[in-house]
Amino acid sequence: MRKHRSPWIRRRLKDQYYKMAKRKGYRSRAAYKLLEINSREGIIKAGDRVLDLGAAPGGWLQVASECVGEGGRVLGIDINEVEPLPSGNVETIVADIESDEALREASKRGPFDAVLCDASPKLSGVKDLDRARQFGLSMASLRIAKAVLKRGGHFLTKAFDGPEVDGLRAELRDYFSEVKTLKPKASRSESSEIYLLAKGFMPRNGV
């Protein structure tokens, strides 16, 4: 018979990702979310150009840098300064991803094979408000993705599961050939956090 683990035990098991991140030198346990997604979906390949929105503290930048290798490039944008990485294929910019400045800076350095967004709002504890804020970040990142992605490129964004996600999925289906909802193992089971993966960008005239 399968034993039901308490939330406390489940959280301790999830915290293994934190310990693993420390051992491997990743700046956040979130690195394992992208590692798992990329292992399953192959959205980042050697030689790719990748844009990471909401990049601080840099865990996803590290993973993307490893995946693209010396022949690729990774650009990270965050409202906070990101501590420099030793990798020569990573550049970071301080900008609010909901601003026109972020869009301009990304456009200068595009196009990109993949656009990622693991940004989170400052949580208020009010679920409806937090979902709305997360939705705003997802839509801002999609706005940038539509402007800088190559045809056939991929877009990955965090979301909080709720009514707003249906609207985001509908928007993604208008511009991508395939849309998936993912819950990486490193995401805490009790969290409403999910990831929407949109593959095969299909730009339109004027996007």
N, C-alpha and C. Protein backbone atom coordinates (compact mmCIF):
# COMPACT_ATOMS: atom_id res chain seq x y z
N MET A 1 0.84 -1.19 0.00
CA MET A 1 0.00 0.00 0.00
C MET A 1 0.88 1.25 0.00
N ARG A 2 0.51 2.22 -0.84
CA ARG A 2 1.29 3.45 -0.92
C ARG A 2 1.07 4.30 0.32
N LYS A 3 2.17 4.76 0.90
CA LYS A 3 2.08 5.61 2.08
C LYS A 3 1.87 7.06 1.68
N HIS A 4 0.98 7.76 2.38
CA HIS A 4 0.75 9.17 2.12
C HIS A 4 1.68 9.99 3.00
N ARG A 5 2.54 10.77 2.36
CA ARG A 5 3.48 11.59 3.10
C ARG A 5 2.82 12.89 3.54
N SER A 6 3.19 13.34 4.72
CA SER A 6 2.67 14.61 5.22
C SER A 6 3.24 15.75 4.40
N PRO A 7 2.58 16.94 4.37
CA PRO A 7 3.14 18.11 3.66
C PRO A 7 4.54 18.45 4.13
N TRP A 8 4.82 18.27 5.43
CA TRP A 8 6.14 18.58 5.97
C TRP A 8 7.20 17.67 5.36
N ILE A 9 6.88 16.37 5.26
CA ILE A 9 7.84 15.43 4.67
C ILE A 9 8.02 15.72 3.19
N ARG A 10 6.91 16.02 2.50
CA ARG A 10 7.03 16.34 1.07
C ARG A 10 7.90 17.57 0.87
N ARG A 11 7.74 18.57 1.74
CA ARG A 11 8.55 19.78 1.61
C ARG A 11 10.04 19.46 1.84
N ARG A 12 10.32 18.59 2.81
CA ARG A 12 11.72 18.22 3.05
C ARG A 12 12.31 17.54 1.82
N LEU A 13 11.51 16.67 1.17
CA LEU A 13 12.00 15.99 -0.02
C LEU A 13 12.26 16.99 -1.14
N LYS A 14 11.35 17.96 -1.30
CA LYS A 14 11.54 18.98 -2.31
C LYS A 14 12.78 19.81 -2.03
N ASP A 15 13.08 20.02 -0.76
CA ASP A 15 14.25 20.81 -0.40
C ASP A 15 15.55 20.12 -0.78
N GLN A 16 15.47 18.86 -1.17
CA GLN A 16 16.65 18.20 -1.69
C GLN A 16 17.17 18.94 -2.92
N TYR A 17 16.26 19.56 -3.67
CA TYR A 17 16.68 20.32 -4.84
C TYR A 17 17.51 21.53 -4.43
N TYR A 18 17.17 22.11 -3.30
CA TYR A 18 17.95 23.23 -2.78
C TYR A 18 19.37 22.76 -2.44
N LYS A 19 19.45 21.61 -1.77
CA LYS A 19 20.75 21.06 -1.40
C LYS A 19 21.56 20.67 -2.64
N MET A 20 20.88 20.09 -3.61
CA MET A 20 21.55 19.72 -4.85
C MET A 20 22.09 20.96 -5.57
N ALA A 21 21.29 22.01 -5.57
CA ALA A 21 21.71 23.25 -6.23
C ALA A 21 22.96 23.81 -5.56
N LYS A 22 22.98 23.75 -4.24
CA LYS A 22 24.16 24.24 -3.52
C LYS A 22 25.40 23.42 -3.87
N ARG A 23 25.22 22.10 -3.94
CA ARG A 23 26.36 21.23 -4.24
C ARG A 23 26.89 21.47 -5.66
N LYS A 24 25.97 21.68 -6.59
CA LYS A 24 26.35 21.83 -8.00
C LYS A 24 26.75 23.26 -8.35
N GLY A 25 26.51 24.19 -7.42
CA GLY A 25 26.88 25.57 -7.70
C GLY A 25 25.83 26.37 -8.43
N TYR A 26 24.60 25.85 -8.51
CA TYR A 26 23.51 26.61 -9.12
C TYR A 26 23.01 27.66 -8.12
N ARG A 27 22.61 28.79 -8.62
CA ARG A 27 22.21 29.88 -7.75
C ARG A 27 20.81 29.73 -7.18
N SER A 28 20.03 28.82 -7.71
CA SER A 28 18.69 28.59 -7.17
C SER A 28 18.26 27.16 -7.48
N ARG A 29 17.35 26.64 -6.65
CA ARG A 29 16.80 25.31 -6.87
C ARG A 29 15.98 25.27 -8.16
N ALA A 30 15.54 26.47 -8.62
CA ALA A 30 14.76 26.55 -9.85
C ALA A 30 15.55 26.05 -11.06
N ALA A 31 16.86 25.99 -10.94
CA ALA A 31 17.67 25.47 -12.05
C ALA A 31 17.21 24.07 -12.45
N TYR A 32 16.78 23.28 -11.47
CA TYR A 32 16.37 21.91 -11.77
C TYR A 32 15.03 21.85 -12.49
N LYS A 33 14.24 22.90 -12.39
CA LYS A 33 12.99 22.95 -13.16
C LYS A 33 13.32 23.07 -14.65
N LEU A 34 14.23 23.97 -14.97
CA LEU A 34 14.59 24.14 -16.38
C LEU A 34 15.37 22.93 -16.90
N LEU A 35 16.22 22.35 -16.07
CA LEU A 35 16.95 21.15 -16.50
C LEU A 35 15.99 20.03 -16.87
N GLU A 36 14.97 19.83 -16.03
CA GLU A 36 13.99 18.77 -16.31
C GLU A 36 13.19 19.07 -17.57
N ILE A 37 12.71 20.30 -17.68
CA ILE A 37 11.90 20.67 -18.85
C ILE A 37 12.72 20.54 -20.13
N ASN A 38 13.95 21.01 -20.10
CA ASN A 38 14.76 20.94 -21.32
C ASN A 38 15.13 19.51 -21.67
N SER A 39 15.34 18.67 -20.64
CA SER A 39 15.64 17.27 -20.89
C SER A 39 14.48 16.58 -21.60
N ARG A 40 13.25 16.94 -21.21
CA ARG A 40 12.06 16.32 -21.80
C ARG A 40 11.67 16.93 -23.13
N GLU A 41 11.85 18.24 -23.26
CA GLU A 41 11.27 18.95 -24.40
C GLU A 41 12.29 19.48 -25.41
N GLY A 42 13.56 19.53 -25.03
CA GLY A 42 14.59 19.95 -25.97
C GLY A 42 14.41 21.36 -26.52
N ILE A 43 14.07 22.31 -25.64
CA ILE A 43 13.81 23.67 -26.13
C ILE A 43 15.08 24.50 -26.27
N ILE A 44 16.19 24.08 -25.66
CA ILE A 44 17.46 24.79 -25.77
C ILE A 44 18.51 23.82 -26.26
N LYS A 45 19.20 24.20 -27.34
CA LYS A 45 20.21 23.33 -27.95
C LYS A 45 21.53 24.07 -28.07
N ALA A 46 22.57 23.32 -28.32
CA ALA A 46 23.90 23.91 -28.52
C ALA A 46 23.84 24.92 -29.65
N GLY A 47 24.44 26.08 -29.42
CA GLY A 47 24.48 27.12 -30.44
C GLY A 47 23.30 28.06 -30.45
N ASP A 48 22.31 27.81 -29.62
CA ASP A 48 21.10 28.65 -29.60
C ASP A 48 21.39 30.02 -28.98
N ARG A 49 20.50 30.95 -29.29
CA ARG A 49 20.44 32.25 -28.62
C ARG A 49 19.20 32.23 -27.73
N VAL A 50 19.38 32.50 -26.45
CA VAL A 50 18.31 32.36 -25.47
C VAL A 50 18.14 33.67 -24.70
N LEU A 51 16.89 34.06 -24.49
CA LEU A 51 16.55 35.22 -23.67
C LEU A 51 15.87 34.75 -22.41
N ASP A 52 16.40 35.16 -21.25
CA ASP A 52 15.86 34.78 -19.94
C ASP A 52 15.31 36.04 -19.27
N LEU A 53 14.00 36.13 -19.14
CA LEU A 53 13.33 37.29 -18.56
C LEU A 53 13.05 37.05 -17.08
N GLY A 54 13.37 38.03 -16.24
CA GLY A 54 13.27 37.81 -14.80
C GLY A 54 14.37 36.88 -14.35
N ALA A 55 15.60 37.19 -14.77
CA ALA A 55 16.71 36.23 -14.70
C ALA A 55 17.33 36.06 -13.31
N ALA A 56 17.19 37.05 -12.43
CA ALA A 56 17.82 36.97 -11.11
C ALA A 56 17.23 35.81 -10.29
N PRO A 57 18.03 35.12 -9.51
CA PRO A 57 19.45 35.35 -9.22
C PRO A 57 20.41 34.74 -10.25
N GLY A 58 19.89 33.99 -11.21
CA GLY A 58 20.75 33.49 -12.27
C GLY A 58 20.77 31.99 -12.46
N GLY A 59 19.93 31.24 -11.76
CA GLY A 59 19.92 29.79 -11.91
C GLY A 59 19.58 29.34 -13.32
N TRP A 60 18.58 29.97 -13.92
CA TRP A 60 18.21 29.60 -15.29
C TRP A 60 19.27 30.08 -16.28
N LEU A 61 19.92 31.21 -15.99
CA LEU A 61 21.01 31.66 -16.85
C LEU A 61 22.12 30.62 -16.90
N GLN A 62 22.43 30.04 -15.73
CA GLN A 62 23.48 29.03 -15.66
C GLN A 62 23.13 27.81 -16.50
N VAL A 63 21.90 27.34 -16.38
CA VAL A 63 21.47 26.17 -17.15
C VAL A 63 21.49 26.47 -18.64
N ALA A 64 20.94 27.62 -19.02
CA ALA A 64 20.89 27.99 -20.43
C ALA A 64 22.30 28.12 -21.00
N SER A 65 23.20 28.70 -20.21
CA SER A 65 24.59 28.85 -20.65
C SER A 65 25.22 27.49 -20.92
N GLU A 66 24.98 26.53 -20.05
CA GLU A 66 25.52 25.19 -20.24
C GLU A 66 24.93 24.54 -21.50
N CYS A 67 23.65 24.75 -21.71
CA CYS A 67 22.96 24.10 -22.84
C CYS A 67 23.40 24.66 -24.19
N VAL A 68 23.60 25.97 -24.29
CA VAL A 68 23.94 26.57 -25.59
C VAL A 68 25.43 26.42 -25.90
N GLY A 69 26.25 26.26 -24.86
CA GLY A 69 27.67 26.08 -25.08
C GLY A 69 28.37 27.33 -25.60
N GLU A 70 29.63 27.15 -26.00
CA GLU A 70 30.44 28.29 -26.42
C GLU A 70 29.91 28.95 -27.69
N GLY A 71 29.21 28.19 -28.50
CA GLY A 71 28.69 28.74 -29.75
C GLY A 71 27.38 29.47 -29.62
N GLY A 72 26.80 29.48 -28.43
CA GLY A 72 25.52 30.14 -28.22
C GLY A 72 25.66 31.40 -27.39
N ARG A 73 24.54 32.09 -27.21
CA ARG A 73 24.52 33.31 -26.41
C ARG A 73 23.27 33.32 -25.54
N VAL A 74 23.41 33.88 -24.33
CA VAL A 74 22.28 33.99 -23.41
C VAL A 74 22.20 35.42 -22.91
N LEU A 75 21.02 36.00 -23.00
CA LEU A 75 20.77 37.34 -22.48
C LEU A 75 19.79 37.25 -21.34
N GLY A 76 20.15 37.82 -20.19
CA GLY A 76 19.25 37.86 -19.04
C GLY A 76 18.82 39.28 -18.74
N ILE A 77 17.52 39.46 -18.49
CA ILE A 77 16.98 40.77 -18.14
C ILE A 77 16.23 40.65 -16.83
N ASP A 78 16.52 41.55 -15.89
CA ASP A 78 15.83 41.54 -14.61
C ASP A 78 15.81 42.96 -14.05
N ILE A 79 14.79 43.25 -13.26
CA ILE A 79 14.68 44.57 -12.64
C ILE A 79 15.80 44.78 -11.61
N ASN A 80 16.36 43.68 -11.11
CA ASN A 80 17.49 43.73 -10.18
C ASN A 80 18.78 43.33 -10.91
N GLU A 81 19.88 43.85 -10.44
CA GLU A 81 21.16 43.49 -11.04
C GLU A 81 21.49 42.03 -10.73
N VAL A 82 21.96 41.32 -11.72
CA VAL A 82 22.35 39.92 -11.57
C VAL A 82 23.86 39.86 -11.36
N GLU A 83 24.27 39.17 -10.32
CA GLU A 83 25.71 39.00 -10.08
C GLU A 83 26.33 38.36 -11.31
N PRO A 84 27.43 38.93 -11.82
CA PRO A 84 28.03 38.42 -13.06
C PRO A 84 28.37 36.93 -12.97
N LEU A 85 28.16 36.26 -14.08
CA LEU A 85 28.52 34.85 -14.20
C LEU A 85 29.87 34.74 -14.90
N PRO A 86 30.64 33.70 -14.59
CA PRO A 86 31.95 33.55 -15.24
C PRO A 86 31.85 33.15 -16.70
N SER A 87 30.69 32.67 -17.13
CA SER A 87 30.52 32.22 -18.50
C SER A 87 30.65 33.38 -19.48
N GLY A 88 31.42 33.19 -20.52
CA GLY A 88 31.60 34.24 -21.52
C GLY A 88 30.44 34.40 -22.47
N ASN A 89 29.48 33.48 -22.42
CA ASN A 89 28.36 33.53 -23.36
C ASN A 89 27.09 34.12 -22.74
N VAL A 90 27.22 34.79 -21.59
CA VAL A 90 26.07 35.35 -20.89
C VAL A 90 26.22 36.86 -20.74
N GLU A 91 25.15 37.58 -21.07
CA GLU A 91 25.08 39.03 -20.86
C GLU A 91 23.82 39.32 -20.05
N THR A 92 23.89 40.29 -19.14
CA THR A 92 22.71 40.65 -18.36
C THR A 92 22.46 42.16 -18.46
N ILE A 93 21.19 42.51 -18.37
CA ILE A 93 20.75 43.90 -18.44
C ILE A 93 19.77 44.15 -17.32
N VAL A 94 19.86 45.33 -16.68
CA VAL A 94 18.90 45.72 -15.65
C VAL A 94 17.76 46.48 -16.31
N ALA A 95 16.57 45.90 -16.28
CA ALA A 95 15.38 46.54 -16.84
C ALA A 95 14.15 45.79 -16.33
N ASP A 96 13.05 46.50 -16.24
CA ASP A 96 11.76 45.91 -15.86
C ASP A 96 11.18 45.22 -17.09
N ILE A 97 10.90 43.93 -17.00
CA ILE A 97 10.42 43.20 -18.18
C ILE A 97 9.04 43.67 -18.63
N GLU A 98 8.36 44.44 -17.80
CA GLU A 98 7.07 45.01 -18.21
C GLU A 98 7.23 46.38 -18.88
N SER A 99 8.47 46.80 -19.09
CA SER A 99 8.73 48.12 -19.65
C SER A 99 9.09 48.05 -21.13
N ASP A 100 8.96 49.20 -21.81
CA ASP A 100 9.38 49.28 -23.21
C ASP A 100 10.89 49.16 -23.33
N GLU A 101 11.62 49.56 -22.28
CA GLU A 101 13.08 49.47 -22.31
C GLU A 101 13.53 48.03 -22.48
N ALA A 102 12.91 47.11 -21.74
CA ALA A 102 13.27 45.70 -21.86
C ALA A 102 13.02 45.20 -23.27
N LEU A 103 11.89 45.61 -23.84
CA LEU A 103 11.57 45.20 -25.21
C LEU A 103 12.60 45.73 -26.19
N ARG A 104 13.00 47.00 -26.03
CA ARG A 104 14.00 47.59 -26.93
C ARG A 104 15.34 46.88 -26.82
N GLU A 105 15.79 46.62 -25.60
CA GLU A 105 17.09 45.99 -25.40
C GLU A 105 17.10 44.56 -25.95
N ALA A 106 16.02 43.84 -25.73
CA ALA A 106 15.95 42.47 -26.27
C ALA A 106 15.91 42.48 -27.79
N SER A 107 15.19 43.43 -28.36
CA SER A 107 15.08 43.52 -29.82
C SER A 107 16.42 43.82 -30.47
N LYS A 108 17.25 44.62 -29.80
CA LYS A 108 18.57 44.94 -30.33
C LYS A 108 19.44 43.69 -30.46
N ARG A 109 19.22 42.73 -29.56
CA ARG A 109 20.10 41.56 -29.48
C ARG A 109 19.48 40.30 -30.07
N GLY A 110 18.26 40.40 -30.54
CA GLY A 110 17.60 39.25 -31.12
C GLY A 110 18.03 39.01 -32.56
N PRO A 111 17.42 38.05 -33.23
CA PRO A 111 16.33 37.21 -32.72
C PRO A 111 16.86 36.06 -31.86
N PHE A 112 15.93 35.41 -31.15
CA PHE A 112 16.28 34.34 -30.22
C PHE A 112 15.58 33.04 -30.61
N ASP A 113 16.24 31.93 -30.26
CA ASP A 113 15.65 30.61 -30.49
C ASP A 113 14.67 30.24 -29.39
N ALA A 114 14.88 30.77 -28.19
CA ALA A 114 14.00 30.46 -27.06
C ALA A 114 13.93 31.67 -26.14
N VAL A 115 12.74 31.92 -25.62
CA VAL A 115 12.52 32.96 -24.61
C VAL A 115 11.95 32.29 -23.37
N LEU A 116 12.57 32.55 -22.22
CA LEU A 116 12.18 31.93 -20.95
C LEU A 116 11.75 33.01 -19.98
N CYS A 117 10.80 32.68 -19.11
CA CYS A 117 10.42 33.62 -18.06
C CYS A 117 10.05 32.84 -16.80
N ASP A 118 10.89 32.97 -15.78
CA ASP A 118 10.61 32.38 -14.47
C ASP A 118 10.37 33.48 -13.44
N ALA A 119 10.02 34.67 -13.91
CA ALA A 119 9.81 35.81 -13.01
C ALA A 119 8.61 35.57 -12.10
N SER A 120 8.70 36.08 -10.89
CA SER A 120 7.60 36.01 -9.92
C SER A 120 7.36 37.40 -9.35
N PRO A 121 6.10 37.72 -9.05
CA PRO A 121 5.82 39.00 -8.40
C PRO A 121 6.12 38.92 -6.91
N LYS A 122 6.16 40.05 -6.26
CA LYS A 122 6.22 40.04 -4.80
C LYS A 122 4.86 39.57 -4.29
N LEU A 123 4.86 38.45 -3.57
CA LEU A 123 3.61 37.83 -3.18
C LEU A 123 2.97 38.59 -2.02
N SER A 124 1.66 38.80 -2.14
CA SER A 124 0.91 39.51 -1.11
C SER A 124 0.21 38.56 -0.15
N GLY A 125 0.06 37.30 -0.57
CA GLY A 125 -0.72 36.35 0.21
C GLY A 125 -2.18 36.34 -0.18
N VAL A 126 -2.58 37.30 -1.02
CA VAL A 126 -3.95 37.34 -1.55
C VAL A 126 -3.92 36.63 -2.90
N LYS A 127 -4.53 35.45 -2.97
CA LYS A 127 -4.37 34.59 -4.14
C LYS A 127 -4.79 35.26 -5.44
N ASP A 128 -5.94 35.92 -5.43
CA ASP A 128 -6.42 36.54 -6.67
C ASP A 128 -5.45 37.62 -7.14
N LEU A 129 -4.95 38.41 -6.20
CA LEU A 129 -4.01 39.47 -6.55
C LEU A 129 -2.70 38.89 -7.06
N ASP A 130 -2.21 37.86 -6.39
CA ASP A 130 -0.94 37.26 -6.81
C ASP A 130 -1.06 36.61 -8.18
N ARG A 131 -2.19 35.96 -8.44
CA ARG A 131 -2.40 35.36 -9.77
C ARG A 131 -2.42 36.44 -10.84
N ALA A 132 -3.09 37.55 -10.54
CA ALA A 132 -3.19 38.64 -11.51
C ALA A 132 -1.81 39.24 -11.80
N ARG A 133 -1.01 39.39 -10.76
CA ARG A 133 0.34 39.93 -10.95
C ARG A 133 1.21 38.97 -11.75
N GLN A 134 1.09 37.69 -11.48
CA GLN A 134 1.86 36.71 -12.25
C GLN A 134 1.40 36.69 -13.70
N PHE A 135 0.10 36.81 -13.91
CA PHE A 135 -0.45 36.87 -15.27
C PHE A 135 0.15 38.07 -16.02
N GLY A 136 0.27 39.20 -15.32
CA GLY A 136 0.85 40.38 -15.95
C GLY A 136 2.28 40.15 -16.39
N LEU A 137 3.07 39.46 -15.57
CA LEU A 137 4.45 39.15 -15.94
C LEU A 137 4.50 38.19 -17.14
N SER A 138 3.61 37.21 -17.14
CA SER A 138 3.58 36.26 -18.25
C SER A 138 3.21 36.96 -19.56
N MET A 139 2.24 37.85 -19.50
CA MET A 139 1.82 38.55 -20.71
C MET A 139 2.91 39.52 -21.18
N ALA A 140 3.61 40.14 -20.24
CA ALA A 140 4.72 41.03 -20.61
C ALA A 140 5.83 40.24 -21.30
N SER A 141 6.12 39.05 -20.78
CA SER A 141 7.17 38.23 -21.38
C SER A 141 6.73 37.72 -22.76
N LEU A 142 5.45 37.42 -22.91
CA LEU A 142 4.95 36.99 -24.22
C LEU A 142 5.03 38.13 -25.23
N ARG A 143 4.75 39.33 -24.78
CA ARG A 143 4.87 40.50 -25.66
C ARG A 143 6.29 40.61 -26.23
N ILE A 144 7.27 40.41 -25.37
CA ILE A 144 8.66 40.45 -25.82
C ILE A 144 8.96 39.27 -26.73
N ALA A 145 8.49 38.09 -26.33
CA ALA A 145 8.76 36.88 -27.13
C ALA A 145 8.24 37.03 -28.55
N LYS A 146 7.04 37.58 -28.71
CA LYS A 146 6.48 37.74 -30.05
C LYS A 146 7.31 38.68 -30.91
N ALA A 147 8.04 39.58 -30.25
CA ALA A 147 8.84 40.55 -30.99
C ALA A 147 10.23 40.04 -31.35
N VAL A 148 10.74 39.07 -30.58
CA VAL A 148 12.16 38.70 -30.76
C VAL A 148 12.40 37.23 -31.11
N LEU A 149 11.37 36.39 -31.07
CA LEU A 149 11.57 34.98 -31.37
C LEU A 149 11.74 34.73 -32.87
N LYS A 150 12.60 33.77 -33.18
CA LYS A 150 12.70 33.29 -34.55
C LYS A 150 11.47 32.43 -34.88
N ARG A 151 11.16 32.34 -36.16
CA ARG A 151 10.11 31.41 -36.56
C ARG A 151 10.48 30.00 -36.10
N GLY A 152 9.54 29.32 -35.47
CA GLY A 152 9.80 27.97 -34.97
C GLY A 152 10.39 27.95 -33.57
N GLY A 153 10.63 29.14 -32.99
CA GLY A 153 11.22 29.21 -31.66
C GLY A 153 10.25 28.82 -30.57
N HIS A 154 10.77 28.79 -29.33
CA HIS A 154 9.99 28.29 -28.19
C HIS A 154 9.89 29.34 -27.08
N PHE A 155 8.80 29.27 -26.34
CA PHE A 155 8.53 30.20 -25.24
C PHE A 155 8.09 29.41 -24.02
N LEU A 156 8.73 29.69 -22.87
CA LEU A 156 8.41 29.00 -21.62
C LEU A 156 8.18 30.05 -20.54
N THR A 157 7.03 29.99 -19.88
CA THR A 157 6.74 30.97 -18.84
C THR A 157 6.08 30.32 -17.63
N LYS A 158 6.39 30.88 -16.47
CA LYS A 158 5.73 30.46 -15.25
C LYS A 158 4.36 31.09 -15.16
N ALA A 159 3.42 30.38 -14.52
CA ALA A 159 2.08 30.92 -14.28
C ALA A 159 1.57 30.34 -12.97
N PHE A 160 0.59 31.00 -12.38
CA PHE A 160 -0.12 30.46 -11.24
C PHE A 160 -1.45 29.94 -11.74
N ASP A 161 -1.72 28.65 -11.52
CA ASP A 161 -2.92 28.02 -12.05
C ASP A 161 -4.17 28.73 -11.54
N GLY A 162 -5.06 29.06 -12.46
CA GLY A 162 -6.28 29.78 -12.11
C GLY A 162 -6.99 30.21 -13.38
N PRO A 163 -8.06 30.98 -13.24
CA PRO A 163 -8.85 31.39 -14.41
C PRO A 163 -8.05 32.16 -15.46
N GLU A 164 -7.06 32.93 -15.03
CA GLU A 164 -6.29 33.74 -15.97
C GLU A 164 -5.51 32.89 -16.96
N VAL A 165 -5.15 31.68 -16.55
CA VAL A 165 -4.31 30.84 -17.39
C VAL A 165 -5.00 30.46 -18.70
N ASP A 166 -6.32 30.32 -18.67
CA ASP A 166 -7.05 29.97 -19.89
C ASP A 166 -6.86 31.04 -20.96
N GLY A 167 -6.88 32.30 -20.55
CA GLY A 167 -6.66 33.38 -21.50
C GLY A 167 -5.25 33.37 -22.05
N LEU A 168 -4.29 33.05 -21.20
CA LEU A 168 -2.90 32.97 -21.65
C LEU A 168 -2.71 31.82 -22.63
N ARG A 169 -3.31 30.67 -22.34
CA ARG A 169 -3.21 29.53 -23.26
C ARG A 169 -3.81 29.89 -24.62
N ALA A 170 -4.95 30.56 -24.60
CA ALA A 170 -5.60 30.93 -25.86
C ALA A 170 -4.71 31.85 -26.68
N GLU A 171 -4.05 32.80 -26.02
CA GLU A 171 -3.14 33.70 -26.70
C GLU A 171 -1.96 32.93 -27.29
N LEU A 172 -1.44 31.98 -26.54
CA LEU A 172 -0.31 31.19 -27.01
C LEU A 172 -0.69 30.35 -28.24
N ARG A 173 -1.88 29.79 -28.22
CA ARG A 173 -2.31 28.94 -29.35
C ARG A 173 -2.45 29.74 -30.63
N ASP A 174 -2.62 31.05 -30.52
CA ASP A 174 -2.71 31.90 -31.71
C ASP A 174 -1.37 32.08 -32.40
N TYR A 175 -0.28 31.86 -31.65
CA TYR A 175 1.05 32.16 -32.18
C TYR A 175 2.01 30.97 -32.20
N PHE A 176 1.62 29.85 -31.60
CA PHE A 176 2.51 28.71 -31.52
C PHE A 176 1.78 27.44 -31.98
N SER A 177 2.54 26.49 -32.50
CA SER A 177 1.93 25.28 -33.04
C SER A 177 1.55 24.27 -31.96
N GLU A 178 2.17 24.39 -30.78
CA GLU A 178 1.90 23.42 -29.70
C GLU A 178 2.03 24.12 -28.34
N VAL A 179 1.07 23.86 -27.45
CA VAL A 179 1.09 24.46 -26.12
C VAL A 179 0.91 23.35 -25.09
N LYS A 180 1.80 23.32 -24.09
CA LYS A 180 1.74 22.30 -23.04
C LYS A 180 1.74 22.96 -21.67
N THR A 181 1.13 22.26 -20.71
CA THR A 181 1.18 22.67 -19.31
C THR A 181 2.07 21.68 -18.57
N LEU A 182 3.08 22.19 -17.87
CA LEU A 182 4.07 21.34 -17.21
C LEU A 182 4.15 21.66 -15.72
N LYS A 183 4.45 20.64 -14.93
CA LYS A 183 4.68 20.79 -13.49
C LYS A 183 5.96 20.02 -13.16
N PRO A 184 7.12 20.69 -13.20
CA PRO A 184 8.37 20.00 -12.92
C PRO A 184 8.41 19.41 -11.51
N LYS A 185 9.19 18.38 -11.33
CA LYS A 185 9.29 17.73 -10.02
C LYS A 185 9.83 18.67 -8.96
N ALA A 186 10.66 19.63 -9.37
CA ALA A 186 11.24 20.56 -8.40
C ALA A 186 10.25 21.62 -7.94
N SER A 187 9.08 21.71 -8.59
CA SER A 187 8.03 22.61 -8.11
C SER A 187 7.34 21.95 -6.92
N ARG A 188 7.10 22.70 -5.89
CA ARG A 188 6.44 22.14 -4.71
C ARG A 188 5.01 21.75 -5.05
N SER A 189 4.62 20.54 -4.65
CA SER A 189 3.32 20.00 -5.03
C SER A 189 2.17 20.85 -4.53
N GLU A 190 2.36 21.51 -3.37
CA GLU A 190 1.27 22.30 -2.81
C GLU A 190 1.16 23.68 -3.46
N SER A 191 2.14 24.03 -4.30
CA SER A 191 2.14 25.33 -4.96
C SER A 191 1.25 25.30 -6.20
N SER A 192 0.65 26.45 -6.51
CA SER A 192 -0.17 26.56 -7.73
C SER A 192 0.70 26.86 -8.95
N GLU A 193 2.00 26.88 -8.76
CA GLU A 193 2.93 27.18 -9.85
C GLU A 193 2.89 26.10 -10.92
N ILE A 194 2.77 26.55 -12.17
CA ILE A 194 2.86 25.67 -13.32
C ILE A 194 3.71 26.38 -14.37
N TYR A 195 4.05 25.68 -15.42
CA TYR A 195 4.77 26.29 -16.53
C TYR A 195 4.03 26.01 -17.82
N LEU A 196 3.90 27.04 -18.64
CA LEU A 196 3.31 26.89 -19.95
C LEU A 196 4.42 26.92 -20.99
N LEU A 197 4.48 25.88 -21.78
CA LEU A 197 5.48 25.76 -22.83
C LEU A 197 4.79 25.88 -24.19
N ALA A 198 5.23 26.84 -24.97
CA ALA A 198 4.69 27.04 -26.32
C ALA A 198 5.82 26.80 -27.33
N LYS A 199 5.59 25.85 -28.22
CA LYS A 199 6.64 25.46 -29.17
C LYS A 199 6.20 25.80 -30.61
N GLY A 200 7.18 26.13 -31.44
CA GLY A 200 6.91 26.37 -32.84
C GLY A 200 6.25 27.72 -33.10
N PHE A 201 7.01 28.81 -32.84
CA PHE A 201 6.47 30.15 -33.03
C PHE A 201 6.09 30.41 -34.48
N MET A 202 4.91 30.97 -34.67
CA MET A 202 4.40 31.29 -36.00
C MET A 202 4.10 32.79 -36.06
N PRO A 203 5.10 33.61 -36.41
CA PRO A 203 4.88 35.06 -36.42
C PRO A 203 3.86 35.48 -37.46
N ARG A 204 3.16 36.56 -37.14
CA ARG A 204 2.19 37.12 -38.07
C ARG A 204 2.67 38.47 -38.54
N ASN A 205 2.11 38.93 -39.61
CA ASN A 205 2.48 40.26 -40.10
C ASN A 205 2.09 41.29 -39.05
N GLY A 206 3.10 42.04 -38.58
CA GLY A 206 2.84 43.06 -37.58
C GLY A 206 2.76 42.51 -36.17
N VAL A 207 2.73 41.18 -35.99
CA VAL A 207 2.64 40.54 -34.68
C VAL A 207 1.91 41.47 -33.71
